[in-house]
Amino acid sequence: MINFRVIKEQIIKYKKEILFSVAMAMICFSIALWAIGVNFIKYQNILGSY
C-alpha cells in the first residue's frame, strides 16, 4: 500500500526542487523540438534544390 501522506509531505517539502526539475525538462524538450524543426526545414531546402 502506498502511503500518500508521506508522498504529499515530500512534495510540499521539495516543491521548489520539483518545479525546477519540471521547468528544466520542459526547456530541454523545447530546445530539442526547435532543433528538429530547424534541421527538418534545412533538409527540405536541400532536397528541394536538387
N, C-alpha and C. Protein backbone atom coordinates (compact mmCIF):
# COMPACT_ATOMS: atom_id res chain seq x y z
N MET A 1 0.85 -1.20 0.00
CA MET A 1 0.00 0.00 0.00
C MET A 1 0.89 1.25 0.00
N ILE A 2 0.59 2.16 -0.89
CA ILE A 2 1.36 3.40 -1.00
C ILE A 2 0.85 4.38 0.05
N ASN A 3 1.78 4.96 0.80
CA ASN A 3 1.42 5.92 1.83
C ASN A 3 1.42 7.32 1.20
N PHE A 4 0.20 7.79 0.83
CA PHE A 4 0.09 9.06 0.12
C PHE A 4 0.43 10.26 1.00
N ARG A 5 0.22 10.12 2.32
CA ARG A 5 0.51 11.23 3.23
C ARG A 5 2.00 11.55 3.23
N VAL A 6 2.83 10.51 3.24
CA VAL A 6 4.28 10.69 3.22
C VAL A 6 4.70 11.32 1.89
N ILE A 7 4.13 10.85 0.78
CA ILE A 7 4.45 11.39 -0.54
C ILE A 7 4.05 12.86 -0.61
N LYS A 8 2.86 13.18 -0.08
CA LYS A 8 2.38 14.58 -0.07
C LYS A 8 3.33 15.46 0.72
N GLU A 9 3.79 14.99 1.88
CA GLU A 9 4.73 15.76 2.70
C GLU A 9 6.05 15.99 1.95
N GLN A 10 6.53 14.95 1.26
CA GLN A 10 7.77 15.08 0.49
C GLN A 10 7.61 16.11 -0.63
N ILE A 11 6.44 16.10 -1.32
CA ILE A 11 6.19 17.05 -2.41
C ILE A 11 6.18 18.47 -1.86
N ILE A 12 5.51 18.67 -0.72
CA ILE A 12 5.46 20.01 -0.11
C ILE A 12 6.86 20.45 0.31
N LYS A 13 7.63 19.51 0.86
CA LYS A 13 8.99 19.80 1.34
C LYS A 13 9.91 20.20 0.19
N TYR A 14 9.80 19.50 -0.95
CA TYR A 14 10.71 19.71 -2.08
C TYR A 14 9.99 20.34 -3.27
N LYS A 15 9.03 21.25 -2.98
CA LYS A 15 8.23 21.85 -4.06
C LYS A 15 9.10 22.62 -5.04
N LYS A 16 10.05 23.43 -4.54
CA LYS A 16 10.90 24.24 -5.42
C LYS A 16 11.78 23.36 -6.30
N GLU A 17 12.33 22.30 -5.72
CA GLU A 17 13.19 21.39 -6.49
C GLU A 17 12.39 20.70 -7.59
N ILE A 18 11.16 20.28 -7.27
CA ILE A 18 10.32 19.60 -8.27
C ILE A 18 9.96 20.55 -9.39
N LEU A 19 9.56 21.78 -9.03
CA LEU A 19 9.22 22.78 -10.06
C LEU A 19 10.42 23.09 -10.94
N PHE A 20 11.62 23.20 -10.34
CA PHE A 20 12.84 23.46 -11.09
C PHE A 20 13.12 22.31 -12.07
N SER A 21 12.96 21.07 -11.59
CA SER A 21 13.20 19.89 -12.44
C SER A 21 12.24 19.87 -13.62
N VAL A 22 10.96 20.14 -13.36
CA VAL A 22 9.96 20.15 -14.43
C VAL A 22 10.27 21.26 -15.43
N ALA A 23 10.64 22.43 -14.92
CA ALA A 23 10.95 23.56 -15.81
C ALA A 23 12.17 23.24 -16.68
N MET A 24 13.20 22.65 -16.10
CA MET A 24 14.40 22.28 -16.87
C MET A 24 14.06 21.25 -17.93
N ALA A 25 13.24 20.28 -17.59
CA ALA A 25 12.84 19.25 -18.55
C ALA A 25 12.08 19.87 -19.72
N MET A 26 11.17 20.82 -19.41
CA MET A 26 10.41 21.49 -20.46
C MET A 26 11.31 22.32 -21.36
N ILE A 27 12.30 23.02 -20.78
CA ILE A 27 13.24 23.82 -21.57
C ILE A 27 14.05 22.93 -22.50
N CYS A 28 14.58 21.84 -21.97
CA CYS A 28 15.38 20.91 -22.78
C CYS A 28 14.54 20.32 -23.91
N PHE A 29 13.28 19.94 -23.60
CA PHE A 29 12.39 19.35 -24.59
C PHE A 29 12.07 20.35 -25.69
N SER A 30 11.83 21.62 -25.31
CA SER A 30 11.50 22.63 -26.32
C SER A 30 12.71 22.93 -27.20
N ILE A 31 13.92 22.94 -26.62
CA ILE A 31 15.14 23.14 -27.42
C ILE A 31 15.32 21.99 -28.41
N ALA A 32 15.06 20.77 -27.96
CA ALA A 32 15.18 19.59 -28.84
C ALA A 32 14.18 19.69 -29.99
N LEU A 33 12.92 20.07 -29.68
CA LEU A 33 11.91 20.21 -30.74
C LEU A 33 12.31 21.30 -31.73
N TRP A 34 12.84 22.42 -31.22
CA TRP A 34 13.27 23.52 -32.09
C TRP A 34 14.39 23.04 -33.02
N ALA A 35 15.37 22.30 -32.47
CA ALA A 35 16.49 21.80 -33.28
C ALA A 35 15.99 20.84 -34.36
N ILE A 36 15.06 19.96 -34.01
CA ILE A 36 14.50 19.03 -35.01
C ILE A 36 13.79 19.81 -36.11
N GLY A 37 13.02 20.82 -35.71
CA GLY A 37 12.31 21.64 -36.70
C GLY A 37 13.25 22.37 -37.63
N VAL A 38 14.31 22.97 -37.10
CA VAL A 38 15.29 23.70 -37.92
C VAL A 38 15.97 22.74 -38.89
N ASN A 39 16.37 21.57 -38.41
CA ASN A 39 17.02 20.59 -39.29
C ASN A 39 16.07 20.10 -40.37
N PHE A 40 14.80 19.89 -40.01
CA PHE A 40 13.80 19.43 -40.98
C PHE A 40 13.65 20.46 -42.10
N ILE A 41 13.58 21.73 -41.75
CA ILE A 41 13.45 22.80 -42.75
C ILE A 41 14.70 22.84 -43.63
N LYS A 42 15.88 22.73 -43.01
CA LYS A 42 17.14 22.74 -43.78
C LYS A 42 17.16 21.59 -44.77
N TYR A 43 16.83 20.36 -44.31
CA TYR A 43 16.89 19.19 -45.18
C TYR A 43 15.85 19.29 -46.29
N GLN A 44 14.69 19.89 -46.01
CA GLN A 44 13.68 20.07 -47.07
C GLN A 44 14.23 21.01 -48.14
N ASN A 45 14.93 22.07 -47.73
CA ASN A 45 15.52 23.01 -48.70
C ASN A 45 16.58 22.30 -49.54
N ILE A 46 17.42 21.46 -48.88
CA ILE A 46 18.47 20.74 -49.62
C ILE A 46 17.86 19.78 -50.62
N LEU A 47 16.82 19.02 -50.19
CA LEU A 47 16.17 18.08 -51.09
C LEU A 47 15.44 18.79 -52.22
N GLY A 48 14.83 19.96 -51.92
CA GLY A 48 14.09 20.71 -52.92
C GLY A 48 14.99 21.35 -53.96
N SER A 49 16.26 21.57 -53.61
CA SER A 49 17.17 22.25 -54.55
C SER A 49 17.69 21.29 -55.63
N TYR A 50 17.56 19.97 -55.42
CA TYR A 50 18.04 19.01 -56.44
C TYR A 50 16.99 18.80 -57.51
